[in-house]
């Protein structure tokens, strides 16, 4: 792909904290990272900075956000609820969407659910095990829909959080080596690869389980945007060679399962894929550790107090990015 001089100038020369531009237009929905531009990403990061520092004028107060989580969630659900409250809004929703009428037993469609709920709120945040579920709801909703994870497909707001956190930690991603550890099939990886096309990293490094190959659509995205990639057999190479490591569970098969499923994911990570304090000390690694969470045994808790550990700071920053997303979709001006 041939890049325009304007594109390269923005990637290479833009400051870590962009100069405030005129506010970009409201987005109709937040469904996929593919729809976002470099200006969108910069604007979200700048807005998040402003919310953290209290410098932004909030005109979202009084709005209502519906949280429809057909799959379990801790950080995303509570994060959007915390962001809504911080903006002066109200969050509504059910503790268990299985008790709603949109379930296999009753059979109300996602489309009808969206048509109804969108008339009772100002935005919908939805998580579902089916790829494309958020887009189906957006097609019938009369208010913005935010995709909080649709099966194996995407999780665009988590990708924005990850870009924001890595920019904060590394200063810039340009020229950096970024590793993806764990299962490469996850929805966060797919969305984050889409956003990394704006960041001009040196390379993307994968450290996947041998049984899972890198999805073809991810490889096609990297090729299209001329981002190099390589595979490594053990996480120790990422600790010595890379600037940041975005870890994930060794197996993420449960993200494609409905809430009622009895499937139990095999959270058992081989030793040479785990990150421990001993490995960090032995390799004298300065690589920053990120993780969208939940973690299992892929990052040992003995890493938590190390300066490399960024994953709980990532959670703290996530509230401000979610505030930015809600503000961009709901602002009255």
C-alpha atoms as a PDB file:
ATOM      1  CA  UNK A   1       0.000   0.000   0.000  1.00  0.00           C
ATOM      2  CA  UNK A   2       1.341   3.417  -0.946  1.00  0.00           C
ATOM      3  CA  UNK A   3       0.892   5.990   1.793  1.00  0.00           C
ATOM      4  CA  UNK A   4       0.234   9.643   1.045  1.00  0.00           C
ATOM      5  CA  UNK A   5       2.729  12.246   2.231  1.00  0.00           C
ATOM      6  CA  UNK A   6      -0.040  13.711   4.393  1.00  0.00           C
ATOM      7  CA  UNK A   7      -0.575  10.349   6.115  1.00  0.00           C
ATOM      8  CA  UNK A   8       3.137   9.813   6.744  1.00  0.00           C
ATOM      9  CA  UNK A   9       3.556  13.353   8.038  1.00  0.00           C
ATOM     10  CA  UNK A  10       0.819  12.797  10.610  1.00  0.00           C
ATOM     11  CA  UNK A  11       2.213   9.432  11.708  1.00  0.00           C
ATOM     12  CA  UNK A  12       5.833  10.565  11.949  1.00  0.00           C
ATOM     13  CA  UNK A  13       5.457  14.114  13.142  1.00  0.00           C
ATOM     14  CA  UNK A  14       2.329  14.243  15.270  1.00  0.00           C
ATOM     15  CA  UNK A  15       3.042  14.943  18.954  1.00  0.00           C
ATOM     16  CA  UNK A  16       2.257  12.329  21.606  1.00  0.00           C
ATOM     17  CA  UNK A  17      -0.449  14.651  22.956  1.00  0.00           C
ATOM     18  CA  UNK A  18      -2.027  16.170  19.842  1.00  0.00           C
ATOM     19  CA  UNK A  19      -2.783  19.869  19.701  1.00  0.00           C
ATOM     20  CA  UNK A  20      -6.473  20.404  20.256  1.00  0.00           C
ATOM     21  CA  UNK A  21      -8.350  20.566  16.988  1.00  0.00           C
ATOM     22  CA  UNK A  22     -11.922  21.591  16.450  1.00  0.00           C
ATOM     23  CA  UNK A  23     -14.093  18.804  17.821  1.00  0.00           C
ATOM     24  CA  UNK A  24     -14.684  16.056  15.280  1.00  0.00           C
ATOM     25  CA  UNK A  25     -18.182  15.138  14.200  1.00  0.00           C
ATOM     26  CA  UNK A  26     -20.255  12.804  16.358  1.00  0.00           C
ATOM     27  CA  UNK A  27     -19.955   9.135  15.453  1.00  0.00           C
ATOM     28  CA  UNK A  28     -23.187   7.258  14.755  1.00  0.00           C
ATOM     29  CA  UNK A  29     -21.902   4.047  16.383  1.00  0.00           C
ATOM     30  CA  UNK A  30     -18.701   2.377  17.652  1.00  0.00           C
ATOM     31  CA  UNK A  31     -18.793  -1.037  15.994  1.00  0.00           C
ATOM     32  CA  UNK A  32     -15.376  -1.723  14.508  1.00  0.00           C
ATOM     33  CA  UNK A  33     -11.860  -0.305  14.683  1.00  0.00           C
ATOM     34  CA  UNK A  34     -11.788  -0.436  10.888  1.00  0.00           C
ATOM     35  CA  UNK A  35     -14.106   2.587  10.765  1.00  0.00           C
ATOM     36  CA  UNK A  36     -11.768   4.811  12.802  1.00  0.00           C
ATOM     37  CA  UNK A  37      -9.299   7.251  11.268  1.00  0.00           C
ATOM     38  CA  UNK A  38      -6.005   8.537  12.595  1.00  0.00           C
ATOM     39  CA  UNK A  39      -7.795  11.752  13.560  1.00  0.00           C
ATOM     40  CA  UNK A  40     -10.377   9.743  15.489  1.00  0.00           C
ATOM     41  CA  UNK A  41      -7.708   7.924  17.500  1.00  0.00           C
ATOM     42  CA  UNK A  42      -5.821  11.143  18.253  1.00  0.00           C
ATOM     43  CA  UNK A  43      -9.046  12.861  19.251  1.00  0.00           C
ATOM     44  CA  UNK A  44     -10.071  10.042  21.602  1.00  0.00           C
ATOM     45  CA  UNK A  45      -6.636  10.071  23.256  1.00  0.00           C
ATOM     46  CA  UNK A  46      -6.704  13.842  23.668  1.00  0.00           C
ATOM     47  CA  UNK A  47     -10.231  13.733  25.086  1.00  0.00           C
ATOM     48  CA  UNK A  48      -9.193  11.039  27.544  1.00  0.00           C
ATOM     49  CA  UNK A  49      -6.291  13.225  28.668  1.00  0.00           C
ATOM     50  CA  UNK A  50      -8.675  16.133  29.171  1.00  0.00           C
ATOM     51  CA  UNK A  51     -11.110  14.042  31.191  1.00  0.00           C
ATOM     52  CA  UNK A  52      -8.270  12.850  33.410  1.00  0.00           C
ATOM     53  CA  UNK A  53      -7.132  16.430  34.028  1.00  0.00           C
ATOM     54  CA  UNK A  54     -10.648  17.867  34.273  1.00  0.00           C
ATOM     55  CA  UNK A  55     -10.093  20.258  31.361  1.00  0.00           C
ATOM     56  CA  UNK A  56     -12.987  19.222  29.134  1.00  0.00           C
ATOM     57  CA  UNK A  57     -16.446  20.765  29.102  1.00  0.00           C
ATOM     58  CA  UNK A  58     -18.900  17.933  29.743  1.00  0.00           C
ATOM     59  CA  UNK A  59     -22.172  18.248  27.862  1.00  0.00           C
ATOM     60  CA  UNK A  60     -23.282  14.642  28.329  1.00  0.00           C
ATOM     61  CA  UNK A  61     -24.765  15.056  31.814  1.00  0.00           C
ATOM     62  CA  UNK A  62     -28.230  13.581  32.213  1.00  0.00           C
ATOM     63  CA  UNK A  63     -27.857  10.995  29.464  1.00  0.00           C
ATOM     64  CA  UNK A  64     -28.784   7.337  29.995  1.00  0.00           C
ATOM     65  CA  UNK A  65     -26.613   4.429  28.812  1.00  0.00           C
ATOM     66  CA  UNK A  66     -28.004   0.872  28.581  1.00  0.00           C
ATOM     67  CA  UNK A  67     -25.510  -1.895  29.380  1.00  0.00           C
ATOM     68  CA  UNK A  68     -26.597  -5.097  27.605  1.00  0.00           C
ATOM     69  CA  UNK A  69     -24.068  -7.805  28.457  1.00  0.00           C
ATOM     70  CA  UNK A  70     -25.120 -11.181  27.088  1.00  0.00           C
ATOM     71  CA  UNK A  71     -21.661 -12.436  28.120  1.00  0.00           C
ATOM     72  CA  UNK A  72     -19.894 -12.015  31.436  1.00  0.00           C
ATOM     73  CA  UNK A  73     -17.766  -8.925  32.003  1.00  0.00           C
ATOM     74  CA  UNK A  74     -15.970  -7.172  34.834  1.00  0.00           C
ATOM     75  CA  UNK A  75     -13.829  -4.316  33.514  1.00  0.00           C
ATOM     76  CA  UNK A  76     -15.842  -3.410  30.422  1.00  0.00           C
ATOM     77  CA  UNK A  77     -19.219  -3.362  32.153  1.00  0.00           C
ATOM     78  CA  UNK A  78     -18.035  -1.604  35.312  1.00  0.00           C
ATOM     79  CA  UNK A  79     -15.766   0.632  33.239  1.00  0.00           C
ATOM     80  CA  UNK A  80     -18.641   1.932  31.126  1.00  0.00           C
ATOM     81  CA  UNK A  81     -20.817   2.300  34.211  1.00  0.00           C
ATOM     82  CA  UNK A  82     -18.064   4.270  35.987  1.00  0.00           C
ATOM     83  CA  UNK A  83     -17.534   6.409  32.882  1.00  0.00           C
ATOM     84  CA  UNK A  84     -21.275   7.103  32.585  1.00  0.00           C
ATOM     85  CA  UNK A  85     -21.514   8.149  36.242  1.00  0.00           C
ATOM     86  CA  UNK A  86     -18.394  10.327  35.943  1.00  0.00           C
ATOM     87  CA  UNK A  87     -20.039  12.119  33.015  1.00  0.00           C
ATOM     88  CA  UNK A  88     -23.148  12.800  35.100  1.00  0.00           C
ATOM     89  CA  UNK A  89     -25.257  10.189  33.349  1.00  0.00           C
ATOM     90  CA  UNK A  90     -27.133   7.079  34.457  1.00  0.00           C
ATOM     91  CA  UNK A  91     -26.501   3.447  33.558  1.00  0.00           C
ATOM     92  CA  UNK A  92     -29.369   0.993  33.193  1.00  0.00           C
ATOM     93  CA  UNK A  93     -29.458  -2.709  32.398  1.00  0.00           C
ATOM     94  CA  UNK A  94     -29.980  -6.165  33.796  1.00  0.00           C
ATOM     95  CA  UNK A  95     -27.563  -8.021  36.031  1.00  0.00           C
ATOM     96  CA  UNK A  96     -28.203 -11.134  33.958  1.00  0.00           C
ATOM     97  CA  UNK A  97     -29.376 -10.786  30.352  1.00  0.00           C
ATOM     98  CA  UNK A  98     -30.579 -14.402  30.507  1.00  0.00           C
ATOM     99  CA  UNK A  99     -33.507 -12.987  32.482  1.00  0.00           C
ATOM    100  CA  UNK A 100     -34.413 -10.734  29.556  1.00  0.00           C
ATOM    101  CA  UNK A 101     -36.779 -11.842  26.800  1.00  0.00           C
ATOM    102  CA  UNK A 102     -33.893 -11.834  24.297  1.00  0.00           C
ATOM    103  CA  UNK A 103     -32.739 -15.348  24.977  1.00  0.00           C
ATOM    104  CA  UNK A 104     -32.889 -18.763  23.354  1.00  0.00           C
ATOM    105  CA  UNK A 105     -35.877 -19.866  25.442  1.00  0.00           C
ATOM    106  CA  UNK A 106     -38.166 -16.919  24.640  1.00  0.00           C
ATOM    107  CA  UNK A 107     -36.650 -15.991  21.299  1.00  0.00           C
ATOM    108  CA  UNK A 108     -36.954 -12.196  21.035  1.00  0.00           C
ATOM    109  CA  UNK A 109     -34.517 -11.093  18.341  1.00  0.00           C
ATOM    110  CA  UNK A 110     -31.500  -8.859  18.894  1.00  0.00           C
ATOM    111  CA  UNK A 111     -33.044  -6.485  16.374  1.00  0.00           C
ATOM    112  CA  UNK A 112     -36.250  -6.103  18.385  1.00  0.00           C
ATOM    113  CA  UNK A 113     -34.259  -5.768  21.594  1.00  0.00           C
ATOM    114  CA  UNK A 114     -32.298  -2.899  20.040  1.00  0.00           C
ATOM    115  CA  UNK A 115     -35.432  -1.226  18.702  1.00  0.00           C
ATOM    116  CA  UNK A 116     -37.021  -1.311  22.168  1.00  0.00           C
ATOM    117  CA  UNK A 117     -34.060  -0.482  24.405  1.00  0.00           C
ATOM    118  CA  UNK A 118     -32.807   2.331  22.163  1.00  0.00           C
ATOM    119  CA  UNK A 119     -36.095   4.125  22.751  1.00  0.00           C
ATOM    120  CA  UNK A 120     -35.453   4.027  26.510  1.00  0.00           C
ATOM    121  CA  UNK A 121     -31.878   5.329  26.533  1.00  0.00           C
ATOM    122  CA  UNK A 122     -29.358   7.543  24.740  1.00  0.00           C
ATOM    123  CA  UNK A 123     -26.798   4.826  23.913  1.00  0.00           C
ATOM    124  CA  UNK A 124     -26.411   1.051  24.086  1.00  0.00           C
ATOM    125  CA  UNK A 125     -23.262  -0.827  25.093  1.00  0.00           C
ATOM    126  CA  UNK A 126     -23.575  -4.470  24.048  1.00  0.00           C
ATOM    127  CA  UNK A 127     -21.486  -7.621  24.488  1.00  0.00           C
ATOM    128  CA  UNK A 128     -22.539 -10.851  22.796  1.00  0.00           C
ATOM    129  CA  UNK A 129     -21.022 -14.181  21.822  1.00  0.00           C
ATOM    130  CA  UNK A 130     -22.155 -13.891  18.180  1.00  0.00           C
ATOM    131  CA  UNK A 131     -19.905 -12.081  15.664  1.00  0.00           C
ATOM    132  CA  UNK A 132     -21.852  -9.224  14.108  1.00  0.00           C
ATOM    133  CA  UNK A 133     -24.338  -8.957  16.985  1.00  0.00           C
ATOM    134  CA  UNK A 134     -23.510  -5.289  17.652  1.00  0.00           C
ATOM    135  CA  UNK A 135     -23.945  -4.398  13.965  1.00  0.00           C
ATOM    136  CA  UNK A 136     -27.302  -6.183  13.894  1.00  0.00           C
ATOM    137  CA  UNK A 137     -28.464  -4.110  16.855  1.00  0.00           C
ATOM    138  CA  UNK A 138     -27.115  -0.889  15.375  1.00  0.00           C
ATOM    139  CA  UNK A 139     -29.154  -1.479  12.223  1.00  0.00           C
ATOM    140  CA  UNK A 140     -32.390  -1.252  14.253  1.00  0.00           C
ATOM    141  CA  UNK A 141     -31.411   1.084  17.097  1.00  0.00           C
ATOM    142  CA  UNK A 142     -32.361   4.768  17.083  1.00  0.00           C
ATOM    143  CA  UNK A 143     -29.445   5.641  19.404  1.00  0.00           C
ATOM    144  CA  UNK A 144     -25.692   4.904  19.135  1.00  0.00           C
ATOM    145  CA  UNK A 145     -24.511   1.336  19.746  1.00  0.00           C
ATOM    146  CA  UNK A 146     -21.067   0.560  21.187  1.00  0.00           C
ATOM    147  CA  UNK A 147     -19.585  -2.858  20.506  1.00  0.00           C
ATOM    148  CA  UNK A 148     -18.169  -4.178  23.794  1.00  0.00           C
ATOM    149  CA  UNK A 149     -17.088  -7.447  22.186  1.00  0.00           C
ATOM    150  CA  UNK A 150     -18.970  -9.589  19.666  1.00  0.00           C
ATOM    151  CA  UNK A 151     -17.674 -13.140  19.764  1.00  0.00           C
ATOM    152  CA  UNK A 152     -14.401 -13.593  17.903  1.00  0.00           C
ATOM    153  CA  UNK A 153     -14.961 -10.449  15.860  1.00  0.00           C
ATOM    154  CA  UNK A 154     -13.929  -7.153  17.524  1.00  0.00           C
ATOM    155  CA  UNK A 155     -13.651  -5.111  20.711  1.00  0.00           C
ATOM    156  CA  UNK A 156     -12.870  -1.597  19.420  1.00  0.00           C
ATOM    157  CA  UNK A 157     -13.073   0.330  22.692  1.00  0.00           C
ATOM    158  CA  UNK A 158     -10.560  -2.001  24.352  1.00  0.00           C
ATOM    159  CA  UNK A 159      -8.219  -1.418  21.412  1.00  0.00           C
ATOM    160  CA  UNK A 160      -8.519   2.351  21.943  1.00  0.00           C
ATOM    161  CA  UNK A 161      -7.707   1.848  25.627  1.00  0.00           C
ATOM    162  CA  UNK A 162      -4.665  -0.235  24.721  1.00  0.00           C
ATOM    163  CA  UNK A 163      -3.355   2.335  22.223  1.00  0.00           C
ATOM    164  CA  UNK A 164      -3.878   5.101  24.783  1.00  0.00           C
ATOM    165  CA  UNK A 165      -2.094   3.142  27.522  1.00  0.00           C
ATOM    166  CA  UNK A 166       0.842   2.217  25.274  1.00  0.00           C
ATOM    167  CA  UNK A 167       1.235   5.799  24.070  1.00  0.00           C
ATOM    168  CA  UNK A 168       1.307   6.908  27.683  1.00  0.00           C
ATOM    169  CA  UNK A 169       3.843   4.255  28.628  1.00  0.00           C
ATOM    170  CA  UNK A 170       6.130   4.384  25.595  1.00  0.00           C
ATOM    171  CA  UNK A 171       5.705   8.015  24.553  1.00  0.00           C
ATOM    172  CA  UNK A 172       5.210   6.868  20.969  1.00  0.00           C
ATOM    173  CA  UNK A 173       4.693   3.531  19.249  1.00  0.00           C
ATOM    174  CA  UNK A 174       6.603   4.628  16.161  1.00  0.00           C
ATOM    175  CA  UNK A 175       9.593   2.371  15.607  1.00  0.00           C
ATOM    176  CA  UNK A 176       8.684   0.124  18.537  1.00  0.00           C
ATOM    177  CA  UNK A 177       8.473  -3.661  18.621  1.00  0.00           C
ATOM    178  CA  UNK A 178       5.108  -4.786  19.994  1.00  0.00           C
ATOM    179  CA  UNK A 179       4.508  -8.394  21.023  1.00  0.00           C
ATOM    180  CA  UNK A 180       1.173 -10.185  21.201  1.00  0.00           C
ATOM    181  CA  UNK A 181       1.454 -13.068  23.664  1.00  0.00           C
ATOM    182  CA  UNK A 182      -1.115 -15.826  24.016  1.00  0.00           C
ATOM    183  CA  UNK A 183      -4.080 -16.755  21.841  1.00  0.00           C
ATOM    184  CA  UNK A 184      -3.879 -14.671  18.613  1.00  0.00           C
ATOM    185  CA  UNK A 185      -7.519 -15.274  17.665  1.00  0.00           C
ATOM    186  CA  UNK A 186      -9.037 -12.902  20.208  1.00  0.00           C
ATOM    187  CA  UNK A 187     -11.260  -9.962  19.348  1.00  0.00           C
ATOM    188  CA  UNK A 188      -8.977  -7.481  21.118  1.00  0.00           C
ATOM    189  CA  UNK A 189      -6.044  -8.493  18.905  1.00  0.00           C
ATOM    190  CA  UNK A 190      -8.141  -8.017  15.768  1.00  0.00           C
ATOM    191  CA  UNK A 191      -9.234  -4.502  16.755  1.00  0.00           C
ATOM    192  CA  UNK A 192      -5.803  -3.491  18.036  1.00  0.00           C
ATOM    193  CA  UNK A 193      -4.050  -4.568  14.829  1.00  0.00           C
ATOM    194  CA  UNK A 194      -6.443  -2.269  12.958  1.00  0.00           C
ATOM    195  CA  UNK A 195      -5.409   0.709  15.101  1.00  0.00           C
ATOM    196  CA  UNK A 196      -1.688  -0.104  15.009  1.00  0.00           C
ATOM    197  CA  UNK A 197      -1.748   0.704  11.294  1.00  0.00           C
ATOM    198  CA  UNK A 198      -1.698   4.385  12.352  1.00  0.00           C
ATOM    199  CA  UNK A 199       1.182   4.049  14.805  1.00  0.00           C
ATOM    200  CA  UNK A 200       4.082   3.024  12.496  1.00  0.00           C
ATOM    201  CA  UNK A 201       5.556   0.324  14.776  1.00  0.00           C
ATOM    202  CA  UNK A 202       8.811  -1.312  13.761  1.00  0.00           C
ATOM    203  CA  UNK A 203       7.218  -4.758  13.870  1.00  0.00           C
ATOM    204  CA  UNK A 204       4.525  -6.910  15.402  1.00  0.00           C
ATOM    205  CA  UNK A 205       5.796 -10.036  17.149  1.00  0.00           C
ATOM    206  CA  UNK A 206       3.522 -12.976  17.888  1.00  0.00           C
ATOM    207  CA  UNK A 207       4.156 -15.574  20.593  1.00  0.00           C
ATOM    208  CA  UNK A 208       1.180 -17.891  20.064  1.00  0.00           C
ATOM    209  CA  UNK A 209       0.391 -21.410  21.222  1.00  0.00           C
ATOM    210  CA  UNK A 210       1.592 -23.860  18.539  1.00  0.00           C
ATOM    211  CA  UNK A 211      -1.956 -25.127  17.991  1.00  0.00           C
ATOM    212  CA  UNK A 212      -3.280 -21.723  16.878  1.00  0.00           C
ATOM    213  CA  UNK A 213      -2.019 -19.993  13.747  1.00  0.00           C
ATOM    214  CA  UNK A 214      -2.261 -16.246  13.192  1.00  0.00           C
ATOM    215  CA  UNK A 215      -5.658 -15.499  11.580  1.00  0.00           C
ATOM    216  CA  UNK A 216      -5.382 -14.718   7.881  1.00  0.00           C
ATOM    217  CA  UNK A 217      -7.264 -11.427   8.159  1.00  0.00           C
ATOM    218  CA  UNK A 218      -4.719 -10.145  10.711  1.00  0.00           C
ATOM    219  CA  UNK A 219      -1.835 -11.069   8.417  1.00  0.00           C
ATOM    220  CA  UNK A 220      -3.615  -9.385   5.494  1.00  0.00           C
ATOM    221  CA  UNK A 221      -4.022  -6.170   7.509  1.00  0.00           C
ATOM    222  CA  UNK A 222      -0.323  -6.135   8.429  1.00  0.00           C
ATOM    223  CA  UNK A 223       0.674  -6.766   4.804  1.00  0.00           C
ATOM    224  CA  UNK A 224      -1.665  -4.091   3.477  1.00  0.00           C
ATOM    225  CA  UNK A 225      -0.138  -1.490   5.768  1.00  0.00           C
ATOM    226  CA  UNK A 226       3.444  -2.697   5.330  1.00  0.00           C
ATOM    227  CA  UNK A 227       3.945  -3.628   8.978  1.00  0.00           C
ATOM    228  CA  UNK A 228       6.474  -6.414   9.446  1.00  0.00           C
ATOM    229  CA  UNK A 229       5.764  -9.359  11.706  1.00  0.00           C
ATOM    230  CA  UNK A 230       7.496 -12.450  13.038  1.00  0.00           C
ATOM    231  CA  UNK A 231       6.798 -15.379  15.333  1.00  0.00           C
ATOM    232  CA  UNK A 232       8.801 -16.368  18.412  1.00  0.00           C
ATOM    233  CA  UNK A 233       8.599 -19.745  20.222  1.00  0.00           C
ATOM    234  CA  UNK A 234       9.103 -18.488  23.788  1.00  0.00           C
ATOM    235  CA  UNK A 235       8.152 -15.320  25.662  1.00  0.00           C
ATOM    236  CA  UNK A 236      11.754 -14.772  26.805  1.00  0.00           C
ATOM    237  CA  UNK A 237      12.579 -13.441  23.328  1.00  0.00           C
ATOM    238  CA  UNK A 238       9.915 -10.772  23.690  1.00  0.00           C
ATOM    239  CA  UNK A 239      11.347  -9.772  27.065  1.00  0.00           C
ATOM    240  CA  UNK A 240      14.772  -9.211  25.533  1.00  0.00           C
ATOM    241  CA  UNK A 241      13.853  -7.841  22.091  1.00  0.00           C
ATOM    242  CA  UNK A 242      10.585  -5.893  22.386  1.00  0.00           C
ATOM    243  CA  UNK A 243       9.392  -2.590  23.826  1.00  0.00           C
ATOM    244  CA  UNK A 244       5.921  -3.688  24.909  1.00  0.00           C
ATOM    245  CA  UNK A 245       4.122  -6.992  25.368  1.00  0.00           C
ATOM    246  CA  UNK A 246       0.338  -7.208  25.104  1.00  0.00           C
ATOM    247  CA  UNK A 247      -0.457 -10.466  26.848  1.00  0.00           C
ATOM    248  CA  UNK A 248      -3.617 -12.529  26.564  1.00  0.00           C
ATOM    249  CA  UNK A 249      -4.698 -15.899  27.953  1.00  0.00           C
ATOM    250  CA  UNK A 250      -3.106 -18.913  26.312  1.00  0.00           C
ATOM    251  CA  UNK A 251      -6.542 -20.071  25.147  1.00  0.00           C
ATOM    252  CA  UNK A 252      -9.519 -17.739  24.636  1.00  0.00           C
ATOM    253  CA  UNK A 253     -12.049 -20.213  23.274  1.00  0.00           C
ATOM    254  CA  UNK A 254     -14.711 -19.093  25.760  1.00  0.00           C
ATOM    255  CA  UNK A 255     -15.250 -15.744  24.030  1.00  0.00           C
ATOM    256  CA  UNK A 256     -17.291 -17.483  21.356  1.00  0.00           C
ATOM    257  CA  UNK A 257     -19.515 -19.243  23.883  1.00  0.00           C
ATOM    258  CA  UNK A 258     -22.959 -18.053  25.018  1.00  0.00           C
ATOM    259  CA  UNK A 259     -23.453 -17.177  28.668  1.00  0.00           C
ATOM    260  CA  UNK A 260     -25.402 -20.404  29.227  1.00  0.00           C
ATOM    261  CA  UNK A 261     -22.554 -22.569  27.927  1.00  0.00           C
ATOM    262  CA  UNK A 262     -20.938 -25.102  30.254  1.00  0.00           C
ATOM    263  CA  UNK A 263     -17.629 -24.815  28.389  1.00  0.00           C
ATOM    264  CA  UNK A 264     -14.605 -24.328  30.642  1.00  0.00           C
ATOM    265  CA  UNK A 265     -11.551 -22.858  28.967  1.00  0.00           C
ATOM    266  CA  UNK A 266      -8.264 -24.714  29.591  1.00  0.00           C
ATOM    267  CA  UNK A 267      -6.389 -21.935  31.405  1.00  0.00           C
ATOM    268  CA  UNK A 268      -3.093 -23.765  31.640  1.00  0.00           C
ATOM    269  CA  UNK A 269      -0.106 -21.920  30.202  1.00  0.00           C
ATOM    270  CA  UNK A 270       3.155 -23.787  29.508  1.00  0.00           C
ATOM    271  CA  UNK A 271       6.079 -22.417  31.498  1.00  0.00           C
ATOM    272  CA  UNK A 272       7.952 -21.019  28.488  1.00  0.00           C
ATOM    273  CA  UNK A 273       4.956 -18.814  27.615  1.00  0.00           C
ATOM    274  CA  UNK A 274       4.581 -17.341  31.112  1.00  0.00           C
ATOM    275  CA  UNK A 275       6.003 -14.016  32.290  1.00  0.00           C
ATOM    276  CA  UNK A 276       7.448 -14.060  35.798  1.00  0.00           C
ATOM    277  CA  UNK A 277       9.480 -11.642  37.894  1.00  0.00           C
ATOM    278  CA  UNK A 278      12.390 -14.085  37.739  1.00  0.00           C
ATOM    279  CA  UNK A 279      12.393 -14.002  33.919  1.00  0.00           C
ATOM    280  CA  UNK A 280      12.221 -10.203  33.906  1.00  0.00           C
ATOM    281  CA  UNK A 281      15.116  -9.976  36.343  1.00  0.00           C
ATOM    282  CA  UNK A 282      17.182 -12.600  34.516  1.00  0.00           C
ATOM    283  CA  UNK A 283      16.749 -10.916  31.120  1.00  0.00           C
ATOM    284  CA  UNK A 284      16.979  -7.401  32.605  1.00  0.00           C
ATOM    285  CA  UNK A 285      13.902  -6.645  30.552  1.00  0.00           C
ATOM    286  CA  UNK A 286      12.522  -3.131  30.186  1.00  0.00           C
ATOM    287  CA  UNK A 287       9.576  -4.314  28.115  1.00  0.00           C
ATOM    288  CA  UNK A 288       6.305  -2.841  29.378  1.00  0.00           C
ATOM    289  CA  UNK A 289       3.623  -5.407  30.193  1.00  0.00           C
ATOM    290  CA  UNK A 290       0.025  -4.786  29.148  1.00  0.00           C
ATOM    291  CA  UNK A 291      -3.018  -7.033  29.406  1.00  0.00           C
ATOM    292  CA  UNK A 292      -6.716  -6.299  28.716  1.00  0.00           C
ATOM    293  CA  UNK A 293      -7.509  -8.754  31.564  1.00  0.00           C
ATOM    294  CA  UNK A 294      -8.652 -11.046  33.015  1.00  0.00           C
ATOM    295  CA  UNK A 295      -5.322 -12.791  33.393  1.00  0.00           C
ATOM    296  CA  UNK A 296      -4.822 -16.321  34.558  1.00  0.00           C
ATOM    297  CA  UNK A 297      -1.335 -17.788  34.801  1.00  0.00           C
ATOM    298  CA  UNK A 298       0.257 -16.036  31.798  1.00  0.00           C
ATOM    299  CA  UNK A 299       1.553 -13.159  33.982  1.00  0.00           C
ATOM    300  CA  UNK A 300       2.569 -14.164  37.473  1.00  0.00           C
ATOM    301  CA  UNK A 301       1.328 -11.885  40.300  1.00  0.00           C
ATOM    302  CA  UNK A 302       4.950 -11.481  41.371  1.00  0.00           C
ATOM    303  CA  UNK A 303       5.265  -9.084  38.414  1.00  0.00           C
ATOM    304  CA  UNK A 304       2.602  -6.710  39.776  1.00  0.00           C
ATOM    305  CA  UNK A 305       4.956  -4.480  41.759  1.00  0.00           C
ATOM    306  CA  UNK A 306       7.589  -4.226  39.016  1.00  0.00           C
ATOM    307  CA  UNK A 307       7.973  -1.027  36.975  1.00  0.00           C
ATOM    308  CA  UNK A 308       7.285  -3.106  33.847  1.00  0.00           C
ATOM    309  CA  UNK A 309       3.708  -3.842  34.959  1.00  0.00           C
ATOM    310  CA  UNK A 310       1.283  -1.504  33.192  1.00  0.00           C
ATOM    311  CA  UNK A 311      -1.926  -3.561  33.258  1.00  0.00           C
ATOM    312  CA  UNK A 312      -3.525  -2.016  36.346  1.00  0.00           C
ATOM    313  CA  UNK A 313      -2.605   1.477  35.133  1.00  0.00           C
ATOM    314  CA  UNK A 314      -4.226   0.383  31.870  1.00  0.00           C
ATOM    315  CA  UNK A 315      -7.433  -0.222  33.852  1.00  0.00           C
ATOM    316  CA  UNK A 316      -7.218   3.216  35.515  1.00  0.00           C
ATOM    317  CA  UNK A 317      -6.800   4.921  32.146  1.00  0.00           C
ATOM    318  CA  UNK A 318      -9.660   2.909  30.666  1.00  0.00           C
ATOM    319  CA  UNK A 319     -12.287   4.992  32.480  1.00  0.00           C
ATOM    320  CA  UNK A 320     -11.096   8.171  30.795  1.00  0.00           C
ATOM    321  CA  UNK A 321     -11.064   6.545  27.345  1.00  0.00           C
ATOM    322  CA  UNK A 322     -14.574   5.208  27.871  1.00  0.00           C
ATOM    323  CA  UNK A 323     -15.642   8.688  28.933  1.00  0.00           C
ATOM    324  CA  UNK A 324     -14.132   9.974  25.678  1.00  0.00           C
ATOM    325  CA  UNK A 325     -16.028   7.381  23.626  1.00  0.00           C
ATOM    326  CA  UNK A 326     -19.354   8.177  25.313  1.00  0.00           C
ATOM    327  CA  UNK A 327     -18.741  11.903  24.965  1.00  0.00           C
ATOM    328  CA  UNK A 328     -17.986  11.585  21.257  1.00  0.00           C
ATOM    329  CA  UNK A 329     -21.167   9.615  20.630  1.00  0.00           C
ATOM    330  CA  UNK A 330     -23.473  11.566  22.957  1.00  0.00           C
ATOM    331  CA  UNK A 331     -22.286  15.178  23.073  1.00  0.00           C
ATOM    332  CA  UNK A 332     -25.048  17.590  22.238  1.00  0.00           C
ATOM    333  CA  UNK A 333     -22.726  19.897  20.294  1.00  0.00           C
END
